Amino acid sequence: MKKLFSTIIFHPLTLLIATVLVVLAIVNLRTNLKRLELSEQNIKLEQEEGNRLKSEIQLLDDQIEQSSQPLAKERLIRNELVRQVEGEIVLKLPDIEINQDLAEEAIKKNNWEEWIEIISQKK
């Protein structure tokens, strides 16, 4: 019985099958480890995204709280909606367009050049 058992265990085919099973187990463990590492990275990314969203929500809550104050509401009504209080006249002036030539000329001249120009015009 012992001899039969030892011949079965030490038979090359049995050793080959055992080796293949061990190699398959090792490969399976490595793939599971890689999956776990990938899942861990995904969890970290999701946590960072969650933290970013929390800070964004907090910022938006602060903006909501700030805009719900009476002065902010009045500023919104007056400036953006161009409304008025009873007995008040509101004028909306058009936007001023600056001529590029004049703006460039003003930038190019120094103070001393302007003084020379003023003095030469008076002569």
PDB file of N, CA and C in Angstrom:
ATOM      1  N   MET A   1       0.811  -1.174   0.000  1.00  0.00           N
ATOM      2  CA  MET A   1       0.000   0.000   0.000  1.00  0.00           C
ATOM      3  C   MET A   1       0.869   1.258   0.000  1.00  0.00           C
ATOM      4  N   LYS A   2       1.912   1.243   0.859  1.00  0.00           N
ATOM      5  CA  LYS A   2       2.808   2.378   0.892  1.00  0.00           C
ATOM      6  C   LYS A   2       3.533   2.529  -0.437  1.00  0.00           C
ATOM      7  N   LYS A   3       3.915   1.429  -0.999  1.00  0.00           N
ATOM      8  CA  LYS A   3       4.635   1.480  -2.246  1.00  0.00           C
ATOM      9  C   LYS A   3       3.742   2.017  -3.354  1.00  0.00           C
ATOM     10  N   LEU A   4       2.492   1.578  -3.368  1.00  0.00           N
ATOM     11  CA  LEU A   4       1.547   2.054  -4.377  1.00  0.00           C
ATOM     12  C   LEU A   4       1.294   3.556  -4.202  1.00  0.00           C
ATOM     13  N   PHE A   5       1.156   3.945  -2.966  1.00  0.00           N
ATOM     14  CA  PHE A   5       0.931   5.362  -2.673  1.00  0.00           C
ATOM     15  C   PHE A   5       2.138   6.208  -3.083  1.00  0.00           C
ATOM     16  N   SER A   6       3.347   5.765  -2.763  1.00  0.00           N
ATOM     17  CA  SER A   6       4.556   6.510  -3.117  1.00  0.00           C
ATOM     18  C   SER A   6       4.775   6.515  -4.621  1.00  0.00           C
ATOM     19  N   THR A   7       4.406   5.440  -5.308  1.00  0.00           N
ATOM     20  CA  THR A   7       4.568   5.448  -6.765  1.00  0.00           C
ATOM     21  C   THR A   7       3.572   6.396  -7.423  1.00  0.00           C
ATOM     22  N   ILE A   8       2.395   6.502  -6.856  1.00  0.00           N
ATOM     23  CA  ILE A   8       1.409   7.430  -7.424  1.00  0.00           C
ATOM     24  C   ILE A   8       1.849   8.878  -7.184  1.00  0.00           C
ATOM     25  N   ILE A   9       2.308   9.159  -5.970  1.00  0.00           N
ATOM     26  CA  ILE A   9       2.702  10.520  -5.633  1.00  0.00           C
ATOM     27  C   ILE A   9       3.934  10.942  -6.433  1.00  0.00           C
ATOM     28  N   PHE A  10       4.900  10.105  -6.560  1.00  0.00           N
ATOM     29  CA  PHE A  10       6.140  10.460  -7.231  1.00  0.00           C
ATOM     30  C   PHE A  10       6.139  10.132  -8.717  1.00  0.00           C
ATOM     31  N   HIS A  11       5.011   9.796  -9.238  1.00  0.00           N
ATOM     32  CA  HIS A  11       4.893   9.531 -10.671  1.00  0.00           C
ATOM     33  C   HIS A  11       5.042  10.862 -11.417  1.00  0.00           C
ATOM     34  N   PRO A  12       5.736  10.889 -12.543  1.00  0.00           N
ATOM     35  CA  PRO A  12       5.944  12.145 -13.281  1.00  0.00           C
ATOM     36  C   PRO A  12       4.641  12.836 -13.715  1.00  0.00           C
ATOM     37  N   LEU A  13       3.653  12.052 -14.052  1.00  0.00           N
ATOM     38  CA  LEU A  13       2.380  12.645 -14.464  1.00  0.00           C
ATOM     39  C   LEU A  13       1.701  13.341 -13.286  1.00  0.00           C
ATOM     40  N   THR A  14       1.773  12.734 -12.120  1.00  0.00           N
ATOM     41  CA  THR A  14       1.187  13.341 -10.924  1.00  0.00           C
ATOM     42  C   THR A  14       1.927  14.631 -10.573  1.00  0.00           C
ATOM     43  N   LEU A  15       3.252  14.595 -10.652  1.00  0.00           N
ATOM     44  CA  LEU A  15       4.040  15.796 -10.376  1.00  0.00           C
ATOM     45  C   LEU A  15       3.746  16.894 -11.394  1.00  0.00           C
ATOM     46  N   LEU A  16       3.550  16.528 -12.642  1.00  0.00           N
ATOM     47  CA  LEU A  16       3.226  17.505 -13.677  1.00  0.00           C
ATOM     48  C   LEU A  16       1.866  18.153 -13.416  1.00  0.00           C
ATOM     49  N   ILE A  17       0.890  17.335 -13.053  1.00  0.00           N
ATOM     50  CA  ILE A  17      -0.443  17.865 -12.752  1.00  0.00           C
ATOM     51  C   ILE A  17      -0.394  18.778 -11.533  1.00  0.00           C
ATOM     52  N   ALA A  18       0.327  18.396 -10.500  1.00  0.00           N
ATOM     53  CA  ALA A  18       0.452  19.217  -9.298  1.00  0.00           C
ATOM     54  C   ALA A  18       1.143  20.537  -9.634  1.00  0.00           C
ATOM     55  N   THR A  19       2.165  20.493 -10.455  1.00  0.00           N
ATOM     56  CA  THR A  19       2.884  21.705 -10.851  1.00  0.00           C
ATOM     57  C   THR A  19       1.970  22.644 -11.635  1.00  0.00           C
ATOM     58  N   VAL A  20       1.198  22.094 -12.555  1.00  0.00           N
ATOM     59  CA  VAL A  20       0.280  22.911 -13.351  1.00  0.00           C
ATOM     60  C   VAL A  20      -0.769  23.553 -12.441  1.00  0.00           C
ATOM     61  N   LEU A  21      -1.285  22.784 -11.488  1.00  0.00           N
ATOM     62  CA  LEU A  21      -2.273  23.336 -10.566  1.00  0.00           C
ATOM     63  C   LEU A  21      -1.686  24.458  -9.711  1.00  0.00           C
ATOM     64  N   VAL A  22      -0.457  24.299  -9.253  1.00  0.00           N
ATOM     65  CA  VAL A  22       0.194  25.334  -8.450  1.00  0.00           C
ATOM     66  C   VAL A  22       0.428  26.587  -9.300  1.00  0.00           C
ATOM     67  N   VAL A  23       0.879  26.403 -10.531  1.00  0.00           N
ATOM     68  CA  VAL A  23       1.111  27.551 -11.419  1.00  0.00           C
ATOM     69  C   VAL A  23      -0.208  28.269 -11.699  1.00  0.00           C
ATOM     70  N   LEU A  24      -1.279  27.536 -11.953  1.00  0.00           N
ATOM     71  CA  LEU A  24      -2.593  28.150 -12.173  1.00  0.00           C
ATOM     72  C   LEU A  24      -3.061  28.922 -10.941  1.00  0.00           C
ATOM     73  N   ALA A  25      -2.820  28.360  -9.763  1.00  0.00           N
ATOM     74  CA  ALA A  25      -3.206  29.056  -8.536  1.00  0.00           C
ATOM     75  C   ALA A  25      -2.420  30.362  -8.380  1.00  0.00           C
ATOM     76  N   ILE A  26      -1.124  30.327  -8.694  1.00  0.00           N
ATOM     77  CA  ILE A  26      -0.296  31.529  -8.589  1.00  0.00           C
ATOM     78  C   ILE A  26      -0.767  32.596  -9.586  1.00  0.00           C
ATOM     79  N   VAL A  27      -1.053  32.180 -10.821  1.00  0.00           N
ATOM     80  CA  VAL A  27      -1.530  33.120 -11.844  1.00  0.00           C
ATOM     81  C   VAL A  27      -2.865  33.719 -11.419  1.00  0.00           C
ATOM     82  N   ASN A  28      -3.734  32.891 -10.884  1.00  0.00           N
ATOM     83  CA  ASN A  28      -5.040  33.364 -10.424  1.00  0.00           C
ATOM     84  C   ASN A  28      -4.879  34.377  -9.283  1.00  0.00           C
ATOM     85  N   LEU A  29      -3.977  34.104  -8.357  1.00  0.00           N
ATOM     86  CA  LEU A  29      -3.731  35.029  -7.262  1.00  0.00           C
ATOM     87  C   LEU A  29      -3.163  36.362  -7.769  1.00  0.00           C
ATOM     88  N   ARG A  30      -2.281  36.309  -8.764  1.00  0.00           N
ATOM     89  CA  ARG A  30      -1.707  37.547  -9.317  1.00  0.00           C
ATOM     90  C   ARG A  30      -2.775  38.379 -10.022  1.00  0.00           C
ATOM     91  N   THR A  31      -3.661  37.729 -10.776  1.00  0.00           N
ATOM     92  CA  THR A  31      -4.719  38.492 -11.456  1.00  0.00           C
ATOM     93  C   THR A  31      -5.674  39.102 -10.434  1.00  0.00           C
ATOM     94  N   ASN A  32      -5.962  38.355  -9.377  1.00  0.00           N
ATOM     95  CA  ASN A  32      -6.809  38.922  -8.319  1.00  0.00           C
ATOM     96  C   ASN A  32      -6.128  40.106  -7.643  1.00  0.00           C
ATOM     97  N   LEU A  33      -4.829  40.010  -7.433  1.00  0.00           N
ATOM     98  CA  LEU A  33      -4.077  41.106  -6.835  1.00  0.00           C
ATOM     99  C   LEU A  33      -4.113  42.341  -7.737  1.00  0.00           C
ATOM    100  N   LYS A  34      -3.942  42.134  -9.042  1.00  0.00           N
ATOM    101  CA  LYS A  34      -4.004  43.263  -9.974  1.00  0.00           C
ATOM    102  C   LYS A  34      -5.391  43.894  -9.965  1.00  0.00           C
ATOM    103  N   ARG A  35      -6.437  43.080  -9.918  1.00  0.00           N
ATOM    104  CA  ARG A  35      -7.806  43.601  -9.845  1.00  0.00           C
ATOM    105  C   ARG A  35      -8.018  44.406  -8.577  1.00  0.00           C
ATOM    106  N   LEU A  36      -7.489  43.898  -7.463  1.00  0.00           N
ATOM    107  CA  LEU A  36      -7.614  44.616  -6.206  1.00  0.00           C
ATOM    108  C   LEU A  36      -6.882  45.960  -6.242  1.00  0.00           C
ATOM    109  N   GLU A  37      -5.689  45.980  -6.828  1.00  0.00           N
ATOM    110  CA  GLU A  37      -4.940  47.236  -6.937  1.00  0.00           C
ATOM    111  C   GLU A  37      -5.687  48.234  -7.810  1.00  0.00           C
ATOM    112  N   LEU A  38      -6.265  47.746  -8.901  1.00  0.00           N
ATOM    113  CA  LEU A  38      -7.034  48.614  -9.783  1.00  0.00           C
ATOM    114  C   LEU A  38      -8.276  49.152  -9.065  1.00  0.00           C
ATOM    115  N   SER A  39      -8.935  48.284  -8.305  1.00  0.00           N
ATOM    116  CA  SER A  39     -10.101  48.724  -7.540  1.00  0.00           C
ATOM    117  C   SER A  39      -9.702  49.759  -6.490  1.00  0.00           C
ATOM    118  N   GLU A  40      -8.559  49.565  -5.876  1.00  0.00           N
ATOM    119  CA  GLU A  40      -8.070  50.509  -4.876  1.00  0.00           C
ATOM    120  C   GLU A  40      -7.794  51.874  -5.507  1.00  0.00           C
ATOM    121  N   GLN A  41      -7.197  51.884  -6.693  1.00  0.00           N
ATOM    122  CA  GLN A  41      -6.947  53.141  -7.405  1.00  0.00           C
ATOM    123  C   GLN A  41      -8.261  53.819  -7.768  1.00  0.00           C
ATOM    124  N   ASN A  42      -9.228  53.037  -8.216  1.00  0.00           N
ATOM    125  CA  ASN A  42     -10.532  53.602  -8.567  1.00  0.00           C
ATOM    126  C   ASN A  42     -11.217  54.202  -7.348  1.00  0.00           C
ATOM    127  N   ILE A  43     -11.097  53.543  -6.223  1.00  0.00           N
ATOM    128  CA  ILE A  43     -11.694  54.062  -4.987  1.00  0.00           C
ATOM    129  C   ILE A  43     -11.039  55.390  -4.610  1.00  0.00           C
ATOM    130  N   LYS A  44      -9.700  55.472  -4.729  1.00  0.00           N
ATOM    131  CA  LYS A  44      -9.006  56.726  -4.414  1.00  0.00           C
ATOM    132  C   LYS A  44      -9.461  57.840  -5.344  1.00  0.00           C
ATOM    133  N   LEU A  45      -9.592  57.530  -6.635  1.00  0.00           N
ATOM    134  CA  LEU A  45     -10.044  58.542  -7.592  1.00  0.00           C
ATOM    135  C   LEU A  45     -11.462  59.008  -7.271  1.00  0.00           C
ATOM    136  N   GLU A  46     -12.325  58.075  -6.912  1.00  0.00           N
ATOM    137  CA  GLU A  46     -13.701  58.433  -6.571  1.00  0.00           C
ATOM    138  C   GLU A  46     -13.751  59.270  -5.299  1.00  0.00           C
ATOM    139  N   GLN A  47     -12.892  58.965  -4.327  1.00  0.00           N
ATOM    140  CA  GLN A  47     -12.839  59.750  -3.108  1.00  0.00           C
ATOM    141  C   GLN A  47     -12.359  61.174  -3.398  1.00  0.00           C
ATOM    142  N   GLU A  48     -11.349  61.301  -4.267  1.00  0.00           N
ATOM    143  CA  GLU A  48     -10.874  62.638  -4.638  1.00  0.00           C
ATOM    144  C   GLU A  48     -11.973  63.414  -5.354  1.00  0.00           C
ATOM    145  N   GLU A  49     -12.683  62.742  -6.247  1.00  0.00           N
ATOM    146  CA  GLU A  49     -13.790  63.393  -6.956  1.00  0.00           C
ATOM    147  C   GLU A  49     -14.883  63.800  -5.969  1.00  0.00           C
ATOM    148  N   GLY A  50     -15.165  62.939  -5.007  1.00  0.00           N
ATOM    149  CA  GLY A  50     -16.153  63.261  -3.981  1.00  0.00           C
ATOM    150  C   GLY A  50     -15.735  64.472  -3.155  1.00  0.00           C
ATOM    151  N   ASN A  51     -14.455  64.528  -2.784  1.00  0.00           N
ATOM    152  CA  ASN A  51     -13.956  65.680  -2.021  1.00  0.00           C
ATOM    153  C   ASN A  51     -14.038  66.959  -2.849  1.00  0.00           C
ATOM    154  N   ARG A  52     -13.708  66.856  -4.132  1.00  0.00           N
ATOM    155  CA  ARG A  52     -13.791  68.030  -5.005  1.00  0.00           C
ATOM    156  C   ARG A  52     -15.234  68.509  -5.115  1.00  0.00           C
ATOM    157  N   LEU A  53     -16.155  67.567  -5.268  1.00  0.00           N
ATOM    158  CA  LEU A  53     -17.563  67.931  -5.374  1.00  0.00           C
ATOM    159  C   LEU A  53     -18.083  68.532  -4.065  1.00  0.00           C
ATOM    160  N   LYS A  54     -17.613  68.004  -2.929  1.00  0.00           N
ATOM    161  CA  LYS A  54     -18.014  68.577  -1.642  1.00  0.00           C
ATOM    162  C   LYS A  54     -17.563  70.027  -1.517  1.00  0.00           C
ATOM    163  N   SER A  55     -16.322  70.292  -1.922  1.00  0.00           N
ATOM    164  CA  SER A  55     -15.830  71.670  -1.831  1.00  0.00           C
ATOM    165  C   SER A  55     -16.585  72.574  -2.809  1.00  0.00           C
ATOM    166  N   GLU A  56     -16.924  72.049  -3.978  1.00  0.00           N
ATOM    167  CA  GLU A  56     -17.699  72.830  -4.943  1.00  0.00           C
ATOM    168  C   GLU A  56     -19.101  73.129  -4.406  1.00  0.00           C
ATOM    169  N   ILE A  57     -19.705  72.134  -3.764  1.00  0.00           N
ATOM    170  CA  ILE A  57     -21.031  72.330  -3.164  1.00  0.00           C
ATOM    171  C   ILE A  57     -20.953  73.366  -2.055  1.00  0.00           C
ATOM    172  N   GLN A  58     -19.897  73.296  -1.247  1.00  0.00           N
ATOM    173  CA  GLN A  58     -19.723  74.272  -0.171  1.00  0.00           C
ATOM    174  C   GLN A  58     -19.571  75.675  -0.731  1.00  0.00           C
ATOM    175  N   LEU A  59     -18.814  75.810  -1.811  1.00  0.00           N
ATOM    176  CA  LEU A  59     -18.643  77.115  -2.448  1.00  0.00           C
ATOM    177  C   LEU A  59     -19.977  77.637  -2.980  1.00  0.00           C
ATOM    178  N   LEU A  60     -20.749  76.763  -3.609  1.00  0.00           N
ATOM    179  CA  LEU A  60     -22.055  77.172  -4.125  1.00  0.00           C
ATOM    180  C   LEU A  60     -23.019  77.527  -2.990  1.00  0.00           C
ATOM    181  N   ASP A  61     -22.961  76.781  -1.893  1.00  0.00           N
ATOM    182  CA  ASP A  61     -23.794  77.117  -0.730  1.00  0.00           C
ATOM    183  C   ASP A  61     -23.433  78.489  -0.180  1.00  0.00           C
ATOM    184  N   ASP A  62     -22.129  78.775  -0.135  1.00  0.00           N
ATOM    185  CA  ASP A  62     -21.697  80.100   0.329  1.00  0.00           C
ATOM    186  C   ASP A  62     -22.207  81.197  -0.595  1.00  0.00           C
ATOM    187  N   GLN A  63     -22.162  80.940  -1.903  1.00  0.00           N
ATOM    188  CA  GLN A  63     -22.669  81.928  -2.852  1.00  0.00           C
ATOM    189  C   GLN A  63     -24.171  82.119  -2.703  1.00  0.00           C
ATOM    190  N   ILE A  64     -24.893  81.043  -2.474  1.00  0.00           N
ATOM    191  CA  ILE A  64     -26.343  81.138  -2.270  1.00  0.00           C
ATOM    192  C   ILE A  64     -26.640  81.947  -1.007  1.00  0.00           C
ATOM    193  N   GLU A  65     -25.909  81.645   0.052  1.00  0.00           N
ATOM    194  CA  GLU A  65     -26.113  82.366   1.313  1.00  0.00           C
ATOM    195  C   GLU A  65     -25.789  83.847   1.150  1.00  0.00           C
ATOM    196  N   GLN A  66     -24.715  84.139   0.423  1.00  0.00           N
ATOM    197  CA  GLN A  66     -24.325  85.529   0.214  1.00  0.00           C
ATOM    198  C   GLN A  66     -25.346  86.251  -0.659  1.00  0.00           C
ATOM    199  N   SER A  67     -25.879  85.564  -1.664  1.00  0.00           N
ATOM    200  CA  SER A  67     -26.829  86.232  -2.564  1.00  0.00           C
ATOM    201  C   SER A  67     -28.214  86.371  -1.940  1.00  0.00           C
ATOM    202  N   SER A  68     -28.472  85.660  -0.858  1.00  0.00           N
ATOM    203  CA  SER A  68     -29.781  85.787  -0.218  1.00  0.00           C
ATOM    204  C   SER A  68     -29.834  86.967   0.757  1.00  0.00           C
ATOM    205  N   GLN A  69     -28.731  87.638   0.960  1.00  0.00           N
ATOM    206  CA  GLN A  69     -28.726  88.802   1.831  1.00  0.00           C
ATOM    207  C   GLN A  69     -29.446  89.959   1.138  1.00  0.00           C
ATOM    208  N   PRO A  70     -30.081  90.832   1.908  1.00  0.00           N
ATOM    209  CA  PRO A  70     -30.896  91.912   1.325  1.00  0.00           C
ATOM    210  C   PRO A  70     -30.123  92.845   0.396  1.00  0.00           C
ATOM    211  N   LEU A  71     -28.872  93.181   0.746  1.00  0.00           N
ATOM    212  CA  LEU A  71     -28.100  94.083  -0.098  1.00  0.00           C
ATOM    213  C   LEU A  71     -27.774  93.443  -1.448  1.00  0.00           C
ATOM    214  N   ALA A  72     -27.500  92.162  -1.431  1.00  0.00           N
ATOM    215  CA  ALA A  72     -27.202  91.481  -2.684  1.00  0.00           C
ATOM    216  C   ALA A  72     -28.440  91.412  -3.564  1.00  0.00           C
ATOM    217  N   LYS A  73     -29.595  91.189  -2.944  1.00  0.00           N
ATOM    218  CA  LYS A  73     -30.836  91.163  -3.724  1.00  0.00           C
ATOM    219  C   LYS A  73     -31.099  92.530  -4.349  1.00  0.00           C
ATOM    220  N   GLU A  74     -30.895  93.589  -3.576  1.00  0.00           N
ATOM    221  CA  GLU A  74     -31.140  94.929  -4.101  1.00  0.00           C
ATOM    222  C   GLU A  74     -30.175  95.243  -5.237  1.00  0.00           C
ATOM    223  N   ARG A  75     -28.916  94.862  -5.075  1.00  0.00           N
ATOM    224  CA  ARG A  75     -27.931  95.095  -6.132  1.00  0.00           C
ATOM    225  C   ARG A  75     -28.336  94.355  -7.402  1.00  0.00           C
ATOM    226  N   LEU A  76     -28.806  93.132  -7.266  1.00  0.00           N
ATOM    227  CA  LEU A  76     -29.250  92.355  -8.410  1.00  0.00           C
ATOM    228  C   LEU A  76     -30.435  93.031  -9.087  1.00  0.00           C
ATOM    229  N   ILE A  77     -31.393  93.467  -8.301  1.00  0.00           N
ATOM    230  CA  ILE A  77     -32.582  94.115  -8.867  1.00  0.00           C
ATOM    231  C   ILE A  77     -32.199  95.399  -9.572  1.00  0.00           C
ATOM    232  N   ARG A  78     -31.340  96.192  -8.974  1.00  0.00           N
ATOM    233  CA  ARG A  78     -31.003  97.498  -9.555  1.00  0.00           C
ATOM    234  C   ARG A  78     -30.068  97.370 -10.752  1.00  0.00           C
ATOM    235  N   ASN A  79     -28.990  96.630 -10.610  1.00  0.00           N
ATOM    236  CA  ASN A  79     -27.959  96.609 -11.646  1.00  0.00           C
ATOM    237  C   ASN A  79     -28.284  95.678 -12.808  1.00  0.00           C
ATOM    238  N   GLU A  80     -28.664  94.475 -12.506  1.00  0.00           N
ATOM    239  CA  GLU A  80     -28.826  93.505 -13.575  1.00  0.00           C
ATOM    240  C   GLU A  80     -30.228  93.520 -14.174  1.00  0.00           C
ATOM    241  N   LEU A  81     -31.226  93.751 -13.362  1.00  0.00           N
ATOM    242  CA  LEU A  81     -32.584  93.749 -13.884  1.00  0.00           C
ATOM    243  C   LEU A  81     -33.065  95.153 -14.246  1.00  0.00           C
ATOM    244  N   VAL A  82     -32.286  96.175 -13.941  1.00  0.00           N
ATOM    245  CA  VAL A  82     -32.572  97.582 -14.238  1.00  0.00           C
ATOM    246  C   VAL A  82     -33.982  97.941 -13.780  1.00  0.00           C
ATOM    247  N   ARG A  83     -34.247  97.690 -12.523  1.00  0.00           N
ATOM    248  CA  ARG A  83     -35.533  98.075 -11.943  1.00  0.00           C
ATOM    249  C   ARG A  83     -35.308  99.251 -11.027  1.00  0.00           C
ATOM    250  N   GLN A  84     -36.374  99.846 -10.619  1.00  0.00           N
ATOM    251  CA  GLN A  84     -36.262 101.037  -9.800  1.00  0.00           C
ATOM    252  C   GLN A  84     -37.197 100.962  -8.602  1.00  0.00           C
ATOM    253  N   VAL A  85     -36.857 101.773  -7.616  1.00  0.00           N
ATOM    254  CA  VAL A  85     -37.703 101.930  -6.441  1.00  0.00           C
ATOM    255  C   VAL A  85     -38.717 103.017  -6.775  1.00  0.00           C
ATOM    256  N   GLU A  86     -39.846 102.982  -6.126  1.00  0.00           N
ATOM    257  CA  GLU A  86     -40.909 103.948  -6.407  1.00  0.00           C
ATOM    258  C   GLU A  86     -40.397 105.376  -6.198  1.00  0.00           C
ATOM    259  N   GLY A  87     -40.652 106.253  -7.179  1.00  0.00           N
ATOM    260  CA  GLY A  87     -40.231 107.640  -7.105  1.00  0.00           C
ATOM    261  C   GLY A  87     -38.791 107.850  -7.550  1.00  0.00           C
ATOM    262  N   GLU A  88     -38.175 106.865  -8.119  1.00  0.00           N
ATOM    263  CA  GLU A  88     -36.776 106.942  -8.512  1.00  0.00           C
ATOM    264  C   GLU A  88     -36.690 106.822 -10.033  1.00  0.00           C
ATOM    265  N   ILE A  89     -35.784 107.552 -10.632  1.00  0.00           N
ATOM    266  CA  ILE A  89     -35.593 107.490 -12.081  1.00  0.00           C
ATOM    267  C   ILE A  89     -34.282 106.765 -12.349  1.00  0.00           C
ATOM    268  N   VAL A  90     -34.337 105.790 -13.237  1.00  0.00           N
ATOM    269  CA  VAL A  90     -33.153 105.009 -13.569  1.00  0.00           C
ATOM    270  C   VAL A  90     -32.786 105.284 -15.017  1.00  0.00           C
ATOM    271  N   LEU A  91     -31.543 105.680 -15.234  1.00  0.00           N
ATOM    272  CA  LEU A  91     -31.038 105.905 -16.592  1.00  0.00           C
ATOM    273  C   LEU A  91     -30.028 104.822 -16.912  1.00  0.00           C
ATOM    274  N   LYS A  92     -30.199 104.201 -18.041  1.00  0.00           N
ATOM    275  CA  LYS A  92     -29.217 103.202 -18.484  1.00  0.00           C
ATOM    276  C   LYS A  92     -28.430 103.832 -19.612  1.00  0.00           C
ATOM    277  N   LEU A  93     -27.145 104.069 -19.364  1.00  0.00           N
ATOM    278  CA  LEU A  93     -26.282 104.702 -20.343  1.00  0.00           C
ATOM    279  C   LEU A  93     -25.691 103.643 -21.258  1.00  0.00           C
ATOM    280  N   PRO A  94     -25.510 103.981 -22.521  1.00  0.00           N
ATOM    281  CA  PRO A  94     -24.915 103.000 -23.445  1.00  0.00           C
ATOM    282  C   PRO A  94     -23.439 102.798 -23.119  1.00  0.00           C
ATOM    283  N   ASP A  95     -22.928 101.675 -23.507  1.00  0.00           N
ATOM    284  CA  ASP A  95     -21.513 101.398 -23.303  1.00  0.00           C
ATOM    285  C   ASP A  95     -20.687 102.326 -24.197  1.00  0.00           C
ATOM    286  N   ILE A  96     -19.589 102.820 -23.673  1.00  0.00           N
ATOM    287  CA  ILE A  96     -18.736 103.752 -24.400  1.00  0.00           C
ATOM    288  C   ILE A  96     -17.715 102.954 -25.200  1.00  0.00           C
ATOM    289  N   GLU A  97     -17.626 103.275 -26.496  1.00  0.00           N
ATOM    290  CA  GLU A  97     -16.626 102.635 -27.336  1.00  0.00           C
ATOM    291  C   GLU A  97     -15.464 103.593 -27.519  1.00  0.00           C
ATOM    292  N   ILE A  98     -14.276 103.121 -27.267  1.00  0.00           N
ATOM    293  CA  ILE A  98     -13.085 103.947 -27.385  1.00  0.00           C
ATOM    294  C   ILE A  98     -12.474 103.710 -28.764  1.00  0.00           C
ATOM    295  N   ASN A  99     -12.207 104.800 -29.452  1.00  0.00           N
ATOM    296  CA  ASN A  99     -11.584 104.708 -30.761  1.00  0.00           C
ATOM    297  C   ASN A  99     -10.158 104.196 -30.589  1.00  0.00           C
ATOM    298  N   GLN A 100      -9.778 103.157 -31.325  1.00  0.00           N
ATOM    299  CA  GLN A 100      -8.465 102.530 -31.171  1.00  0.00           C
ATOM    300  C   GLN A 100      -7.336 103.492 -31.521  1.00  0.00           C
ATOM    301  N   ASP A 101      -7.534 104.341 -32.533  1.00  0.00           N
ATOM    302  CA  ASP A 101      -6.477 105.271 -32.925  1.00  0.00           C
ATOM    303  C   ASP A 101      -6.151 106.228 -31.789  1.00  0.00           C
ATOM    304  N   LEU A 102      -7.185 106.752 -31.131  1.00  0.00           N
ATOM    305  CA  LEU A 102      -6.962 107.672 -30.018  1.00  0.00           C
ATOM    306  C   LEU A 102      -6.305 106.959 -28.840  1.00  0.00           C
ATOM    307  N   ALA A 103      -6.722 105.753 -28.604  1.00  0.00           N
ATOM    308  CA  ALA A 103      -6.147 105.000 -27.485  1.00  0.00           C
ATOM    309  C   ALA A 103      -4.681 104.703 -27.747  1.00  0.00           C
ATOM    310  N   GLU A 104      -4.329 104.333 -28.964  1.00  0.00           N
ATOM    311  CA  GLU A 104      -2.933 104.042 -29.283  1.00  0.00           C
ATOM    312  C   GLU A 104      -2.093 105.315 -29.229  1.00  0.00           C
ATOM    313  N   GLU A 105      -2.644 106.434 -29.693  1.00  0.00           N
ATOM    314  CA  GLU A 105      -1.924 107.697 -29.666  1.00  0.00           C
ATOM    315  C   GLU A 105      -1.663 108.130 -28.225  1.00  0.00           C
ATOM    316  N   ALA A 106      -2.660 107.934 -27.353  1.00  0.00           N
ATOM    317  CA  ALA A 106      -2.488 108.304 -25.950  1.00  0.00           C
ATOM    318  C   ALA A 106      -1.441 107.437 -25.284  1.00  0.00           C
ATOM    319  N   ILE A 107      -1.355 106.209 -25.676  1.00  0.00           N
ATOM    320  CA  ILE A 107      -0.373 105.309 -25.075  1.00  0.00           C
ATOM    321  C   ILE A 107       1.033 105.640 -25.573  1.00  0.00           C
ATOM    322  N   LYS A 108       1.167 106.028 -26.831  1.00  0.00           N
ATOM    323  CA  LYS A 108       2.485 106.266 -27.424  1.00  0.00           C
ATOM    324  C   LYS A 108       3.157 107.522 -26.888  1.00  0.00           C
ATOM    325  N   LYS A 109       2.400 108.540 -26.550  1.00  0.00           N
ATOM    326  CA  LYS A 109       2.989 109.810 -26.122  1.00  0.00           C
ATOM    327  C   LYS A 109       3.366 109.775 -24.648  1.00  0.00           C
ATOM    328  N   ASN A 110       4.547 110.307 -24.370  1.00  0.00           N
ATOM    329  CA  ASN A 110       4.990 110.469 -22.992  1.00  0.00           C
ATOM    330  C   ASN A 110       4.527 111.829 -22.498  1.00  0.00           C
ATOM    331  N   ASN A 111       4.696 112.071 -21.211  1.00  0.00           N
ATOM    332  CA  ASN A 111       4.312 113.362 -20.637  1.00  0.00           C
ATOM    333  C   ASN A 111       5.102 114.509 -21.253  1.00  0.00           C
ATOM    334  N   TRP A 112       6.398 114.335 -21.435  1.00  0.00           N
ATOM    335  CA  TRP A 112       7.206 115.424 -21.979  1.00  0.00           C
ATOM    336  C   TRP A 112       6.839 115.706 -23.431  1.00  0.00           C
ATOM    337  N   GLU A 113       6.421 114.662 -24.185  1.00  0.00           N
ATOM    338  CA  GLU A 113       5.988 114.881 -25.565  1.00  0.00           C
ATOM    339  C   GLU A 113       4.694 115.694 -25.596  1.00  0.00           C
ATOM    340  N   GLU A 114       3.802 115.415 -24.681  1.00  0.00           N
ATOM    341  CA  GLU A 114       2.563 116.182 -24.611  1.00  0.00           C
ATOM    342  C   GLU A 114       2.848 117.635 -24.230  1.00  0.00           C
ATOM    343  N   TRP A 115       3.783 117.864 -23.289  1.00  0.00           N
ATOM    344  CA  TRP A 115       4.142 119.232 -22.906  1.00  0.00           C
ATOM    345  C   TRP A 115       4.744 119.991 -24.086  1.00  0.00           C
ATOM    346  N   ILE A 116       5.608 119.338 -24.827  1.00  0.00           N
ATOM    347  CA  ILE A 116       6.220 119.988 -25.996  1.00  0.00           C
ATOM    348  C   ILE A 116       5.128 120.350 -27.003  1.00  0.00           C
ATOM    349  N   GLU A 117       4.183 119.457 -27.192  1.00  0.00           N
ATOM    350  CA  GLU A 117       3.085 119.710 -28.126  1.00  0.00           C
ATOM    351  C   GLU A 117       2.238 120.908 -27.658  1.00  0.00           C
ATOM    352  N   ILE A 118       1.945 120.971 -26.381  1.00  0.00           N
ATOM    353  CA  ILE A 118       1.140 122.074 -25.827  1.00  0.00           C
ATOM    354  C   ILE A 118       1.894 123.406 -25.966  1.00  0.00           C
ATOM    355  N   ILE A 119       3.184 123.401 -25.662  1.00  0.00           N
ATOM    356  CA  ILE A 119       3.985 124.625 -25.740  1.00  0.00           C
ATOM    357  C   ILE A 119       4.108 125.081 -27.197  1.00  0.00           C
ATOM    358  N   SER A 120       4.295 124.144 -28.099  1.00  0.00           N
ATOM    359  CA  SER A 120       4.465 124.512 -29.507  1.00  0.00           C
ATOM    360  C   SER A 120       3.137 125.028 -30.093  1.00  0.00           C
ATOM    361  N   GLN A 121       2.004 124.596 -29.587  1.00  0.00           N
ATOM    362  CA  GLN A 121       0.721 125.096 -30.080  1.00  0.00           C
ATOM    363  C   GLN A 121       0.482 126.519 -29.622  1.00  0.00           C
ATOM    364  N   LYS A 122       0.973 126.927 -28.459  1.00  0.00           N
ATOM    365  CA  LYS A 122       0.764 128.268 -27.925  1.00  0.00           C
ATOM    366  C   LYS A 122       1.618 129.314 -28.642  1.00  0.00           C
ATOM    367  N   LYS A 123       2.664 128.933 -29.292  1.00  0.00           N
ATOM    368  CA  LYS A 123       3.554 129.884 -29.953  1.00  0.00           C
ATOM    369  C   LYS A 123       2.930 130.408 -31.159  1.00  0.00           C
TER     370      LYS A 123
END
